Amino acid sequence: MSLNYKKVPAIEKCFSILELMAQAKHSFGFNEIVKNLGLNKSTVFNILHTLNDLDVLEKGEDGRFRLGTRLFVLGNAAAGGAELIKTVHPYLEAINKEFTFSTFFGILTGHRIMILDKSDRAHMINVSSEIGMRIPLYAGAAGKALLSQLSEEEIDEILSQNPPKQYTPLSVINTAEYKREVIAVRQTGIAYDPGEYIEGLISVAVPILTYRKDLTAAIWGVGFKQLFREDIMLRVNEFLLNIAKELNSRFNMIT
């Protein structure tokens, strides 16, 4: 049975832009998109900036647009997970099963963190955040693990534009001190939050090397502070560092 409906031209044009970028696999400037698709400049301008606001596209400092982080989430929902998420997910499950941690996989997007995947079903007690949620850069150990993968110039720029915030009495709000903690992650391979974001919760994070300049990633676990004695934390550290090492090796082989 055929349905009578009126097509929405703006949606068709939106998808033509996304398909152009997906097929070319590189970023595009505004004028390039207009030239390639023959669309009205005003229409392209409005679509690009709407998609940028939604994180479907990302606009670089050079003014060029590329496919954005929200597409990872949409791909995960539509196709059972992008290859990146499929590779990481079993490790999230392993951490969640081994320890009383809710575990997350996320990436740096602008000055925030986007959660791409999680595992929090192995225990009755969990700390839950939704896939696709964007959380503050200073929300626990994840931000330190993500920033540690950037150059010092990039770290300085982010800290100057978006300085650390006071969430709890333990929050590190001195920019120089926070940067020292970020740099230390490069040597240790692991980042900590003893309750800087939410009182009573601790988090531990490890940087994950995707070997892509446009994708800075990390895995982290969040749990209740009273459940983690020193001996357990030593096990957590070893477990996460081994997972990071294995994932880094796998992604290096893929690239």
Protein backbone atom coordinates (compact mmCIF):
# COMPACT_ATOMS: atom_id res chain seq x y z
CA MET A 1 0.00 0.00 0.00
CA SER A 2 1.44 3.35 -1.01
CA LEU A 3 1.36 6.24 1.41
CA ASN A 4 0.68 9.81 0.53
CA TYR A 5 3.31 11.98 2.17
CA LYS A 6 5.35 15.02 1.39
CA LYS A 7 9.12 14.62 1.26
CA VAL A 8 11.18 16.96 3.41
CA PRO A 9 13.87 18.44 1.14
CA ALA A 10 16.03 19.60 4.05
CA ILE A 11 16.39 16.00 5.28
CA GLU A 12 17.36 14.79 1.80
CA LYS A 13 19.98 17.55 1.56
CA CYS A 14 21.25 16.73 5.06
CA PHE A 15 21.82 13.11 4.10
CA SER A 16 23.49 14.08 0.83
CA ILE A 17 26.07 16.02 2.89
CA LEU A 18 26.64 13.11 5.27
CA GLU A 19 26.99 10.64 2.39
CA LEU A 20 29.49 12.92 0.64
CA MET A 21 31.66 13.00 3.77
CA ALA A 22 31.31 9.28 4.45
CA GLN A 23 32.34 8.32 0.93
CA ALA A 24 35.24 10.76 0.71
CA LYS A 25 36.50 9.93 4.24
CA HIS A 26 37.98 13.37 4.80
CA SER A 27 36.88 16.77 6.09
CA PHE A 28 35.18 19.34 3.88
CA GLY A 29 35.08 23.11 3.79
CA PHE A 30 31.80 24.95 3.30
CA ASN A 31 32.52 25.97 -0.31
CA GLU A 32 33.62 22.43 -1.23
CA ILE A 33 30.27 21.04 -0.11
CA VAL A 34 28.35 23.69 -2.05
CA LYS A 35 30.44 22.96 -5.17
CA ASN A 36 30.18 19.16 -4.90
CA LEU A 37 26.45 19.04 -4.27
CA GLY A 38 25.25 22.16 -6.05
CA LEU A 39 23.13 23.21 -3.11
CA ASN A 40 22.08 26.68 -2.02
CA LYS A 41 24.73 28.31 0.17
CA SER A 42 22.26 29.41 2.81
CA THR A 43 20.81 25.90 3.06
CA VAL A 44 24.24 24.28 3.39
CA PHE A 45 25.30 26.83 6.00
CA ASN A 46 22.23 26.18 8.16
CA ILE A 47 22.46 22.40 7.84
CA LEU A 48 26.17 22.31 8.65
CA HIS A 49 25.84 24.40 11.79
CA THR A 50 22.75 22.54 12.98
CA LEU A 51 24.56 19.22 12.60
CA ASN A 52 27.58 20.70 14.34
CA ASP A 53 25.41 21.73 17.31
CA LEU A 54 24.09 18.15 17.47
CA ASP A 55 27.63 16.64 17.33
CA VAL A 56 26.67 14.83 14.13
CA LEU A 57 29.38 16.94 12.50
CA GLU A 58 32.40 18.56 14.09
CA LYS A 59 33.97 21.81 12.92
CA GLY A 60 37.75 21.95 13.24
CA GLU A 61 39.87 24.98 13.99
CA ASP A 62 40.60 25.16 10.25
CA GLY A 63 36.87 25.72 9.62
CA ARG A 64 36.43 22.36 7.91
CA PHE A 65 33.68 19.91 8.86
CA ARG A 66 34.05 16.19 9.54
CA LEU A 67 31.77 13.41 10.75
CA GLY A 68 31.14 13.82 14.46
CA THR A 69 31.11 11.72 17.58
CA ARG A 70 27.33 11.26 17.79
CA LEU A 71 27.52 9.06 14.68
CA PHE A 72 29.43 6.51 16.77
CA VAL A 73 26.41 6.30 19.06
CA LEU A 74 23.93 6.12 16.19
CA GLY A 75 26.01 3.45 14.50
CA ASN A 76 26.13 1.48 17.72
CA ALA A 77 22.34 1.54 18.01
CA ALA A 78 21.66 0.77 14.34
CA ALA A 79 24.24 -1.86 13.54
CA GLY A 80 25.16 -3.48 16.82
CA GLY A 81 28.22 -1.35 17.27
CA ALA A 82 31.00 0.15 15.23
CA GLU A 83 34.21 -1.87 15.05
CA LEU A 84 35.83 0.32 17.68
CA ILE A 85 33.03 -0.26 20.17
CA LYS A 86 32.82 -3.98 19.38
CA THR A 87 36.51 -4.32 20.14
CA VAL A 88 36.34 -2.47 23.45
CA HIS A 89 33.06 -3.78 24.87
CA PRO A 90 34.27 -7.22 26.08
CA TYR A 91 36.94 -5.46 28.14
CA LEU A 92 34.32 -3.24 29.77
CA GLU A 93 32.38 -6.38 30.66
CA ALA A 94 35.51 -8.00 32.09
CA ILE A 95 36.27 -5.03 34.36
CA ASN A 96 32.65 -4.79 35.50
CA LYS A 97 32.56 -8.51 36.29
CA GLU A 98 35.90 -8.55 38.12
CA PHE A 99 35.31 -5.47 40.28
CA THR A 100 32.38 -3.51 41.70
CA PHE A 101 32.91 -0.85 39.07
CA SER A 102 30.56 0.58 36.48
CA THR A 103 32.80 0.83 33.40
CA PHE A 104 32.70 3.26 30.51
CA PHE A 105 34.36 3.92 27.16
CA GLY A 106 34.40 7.48 25.91
CA ILE A 107 36.09 10.02 23.72
CA LEU A 108 37.06 13.68 23.88
CA THR A 109 34.69 15.93 21.96
CA GLY A 110 35.47 19.61 22.25
CA HIS A 111 35.78 20.36 25.95
CA ARG A 112 33.52 17.50 27.02
CA ILE A 113 33.54 13.71 27.19
CA MET A 114 31.07 11.61 25.22
CA ILE A 115 30.21 8.13 26.50
CA LEU A 116 30.22 5.64 23.62
CA ASP A 117 29.68 2.43 25.56
CA LYS A 118 29.33 1.09 29.10
CA SER A 119 28.95 -2.03 31.24
CA ASP A 120 27.20 -1.82 34.60
CA ARG A 121 25.12 -5.00 34.85
CA ALA A 122 27.35 -7.41 36.76
CA HIS A 123 26.53 -6.09 40.24
CA MET A 124 23.48 -4.87 42.12
CA ILE A 125 25.34 -1.64 42.90
CA ASN A 126 26.19 0.51 39.89
CA VAL A 127 26.91 4.07 38.90
CA SER A 128 25.06 4.66 35.68
CA SER A 129 25.36 7.18 32.86
CA GLU A 130 23.70 6.77 29.50
CA ILE A 131 25.43 6.00 26.21
CA GLY A 132 25.57 9.18 24.16
CA MET A 133 25.69 11.38 27.25
CA ARG A 134 28.23 14.17 27.28
CA ILE A 135 29.78 14.78 30.68
CA PRO A 136 32.12 17.55 31.91
CA LEU A 137 35.81 17.20 31.06
CA TYR A 138 36.63 17.29 34.78
CA ALA A 139 34.09 14.60 35.72
CA GLY A 140 36.52 12.18 37.35
CA ALA A 141 39.61 10.42 36.06
CA ALA A 142 38.49 10.13 32.44
CA GLY A 143 39.36 13.73 31.60
CA LYS A 144 42.92 13.32 32.88
CA ALA A 145 43.39 10.17 30.79
CA LEU A 146 42.04 11.89 27.68
CA LEU A 147 44.03 15.11 28.11
CA SER A 148 47.24 13.14 28.71
CA GLN A 149 47.21 12.12 25.04
CA LEU A 150 47.30 15.71 23.78
CA SER A 151 50.31 17.95 23.27
CA GLU A 152 51.22 20.36 26.07
CA GLU A 153 50.11 23.25 23.86
CA GLU A 154 46.69 21.66 23.38
CA ILE A 155 46.39 20.96 27.11
CA ASP A 156 47.29 24.56 27.96
CA GLU A 157 44.74 25.89 25.48
CA ILE A 158 41.93 23.74 26.88
CA LEU A 159 42.80 24.55 30.49
CA SER A 160 42.91 28.28 29.73
CA GLN A 161 39.58 28.26 27.88
CA ASN A 162 37.87 25.86 30.28
CA PRO A 163 39.65 25.85 33.68
CA PRO A 164 39.00 23.08 36.26
CA LYS A 165 35.83 23.50 38.31
CA GLN A 166 35.03 22.95 41.98
CA TYR A 167 32.67 19.99 42.35
CA THR A 168 33.72 18.68 45.78
CA PRO A 169 36.24 19.73 48.46
CA LEU A 170 38.71 17.34 46.77
CA SER A 171 38.45 18.96 43.34
CA VAL A 172 41.77 20.17 41.92
CA ILE A 173 41.02 23.66 40.66
CA ASN A 174 44.56 25.01 40.37
CA THR A 175 45.37 24.84 36.66
CA ALA A 176 49.09 24.15 37.11
CA GLU A 177 48.44 21.37 39.62
CA TYR A 178 45.79 19.79 37.41
CA LYS A 179 48.15 19.87 34.44
CA ARG A 180 50.84 18.11 36.54
CA GLU A 181 48.38 15.31 37.26
CA VAL A 182 47.56 15.04 33.56
CA ILE A 183 51.24 14.88 32.56
CA ALA A 184 51.87 12.25 35.25
CA VAL A 185 49.40 9.95 33.48
CA ARG A 186 51.84 9.77 30.56
CA GLN A 187 54.40 8.11 32.83
CA THR A 188 52.09 5.88 34.88
CA GLY A 189 49.50 5.07 32.23
CA ILE A 190 46.68 5.50 34.73
CA ALA A 191 44.59 8.38 36.11
CA TYR A 192 42.78 8.69 39.45
CA ASP A 193 39.87 10.60 40.93
CA PRO A 194 39.58 10.04 44.72
CA GLY A 195 36.29 11.94 44.89
CA GLU A 196 36.96 15.11 42.94
CA TYR A 197 33.72 14.98 40.96
CA ILE A 198 31.21 13.29 43.29
CA GLU A 199 31.84 12.77 46.99
CA GLY A 200 32.03 9.11 47.96
CA LEU A 201 32.83 7.92 44.44
CA ILE A 202 36.24 7.11 43.03
CA SER A 203 37.23 6.55 39.43
CA VAL A 204 40.23 5.09 37.67
CA ALA A 205 40.95 5.60 33.96
CA VAL A 206 43.43 4.48 31.32
CA PRO A 207 44.16 6.18 27.98
CA ILE A 208 43.38 4.07 24.91
CA LEU A 209 45.47 4.72 21.80
CA THR A 210 43.27 4.53 18.70
CA TYR A 211 46.14 5.75 16.47
CA ARG A 212 43.77 8.29 14.94
CA LYS A 213 44.52 12.00 15.29
CA ASP A 214 40.83 12.86 15.44
CA LEU A 215 39.90 10.30 18.13
CA THR A 216 41.14 10.55 21.72
CA ALA A 217 39.72 7.72 23.85
CA ALA A 218 39.79 6.29 27.37
CA ILE A 219 38.29 3.53 29.52
CA TRP A 220 37.32 4.26 33.10
CA GLY A 221 35.63 2.64 36.06
CA VAL A 222 33.52 4.32 38.75
CA GLY A 223 32.67 2.84 42.13
CA PHE A 224 31.90 3.57 45.76
CA LYS A 225 34.99 4.58 47.70
CA GLN A 226 34.35 2.40 50.74
CA LEU A 227 34.47 -0.77 48.63
CA PHE A 228 38.06 -0.30 47.51
CA ARG A 229 40.82 -1.05 49.96
CA GLU A 230 44.45 -0.46 49.00
CA ASP A 231 45.02 -4.10 48.02
CA ILE A 232 41.97 -4.08 45.75
CA MET A 233 43.09 -0.84 44.11
CA LEU A 234 46.44 -2.45 43.29
CA ARG A 235 44.55 -5.24 41.51
CA VAL A 236 42.37 -2.68 39.70
CA ASN A 237 45.46 -0.81 38.50
CA GLU A 238 47.13 -3.94 37.16
CA PHE A 239 43.92 -5.14 35.51
CA LEU A 240 43.27 -1.83 33.72
CA LEU A 241 46.87 -1.35 32.64
CA ASN A 242 46.92 -4.83 31.09
CA ILE A 243 43.68 -4.11 29.25
CA ALA A 244 45.03 -0.80 27.94
CA LYS A 245 48.21 -2.52 26.75
CA GLU A 246 46.22 -5.21 24.92
CA LEU A 247 43.82 -2.75 23.30
CA ASN A 248 46.62 -0.42 22.24
CA SER A 249 48.34 -3.37 20.58
CA ARG A 250 45.15 -4.42 18.79
CA PHE A 251 44.40 -0.93 17.47
CA ASN A 252 48.00 -0.53 16.33
CA MET A 253 47.68 -3.72 14.29
CA ILE A 254 44.40 -2.51 12.76
CA THR A 255 45.94 0.77 11.60
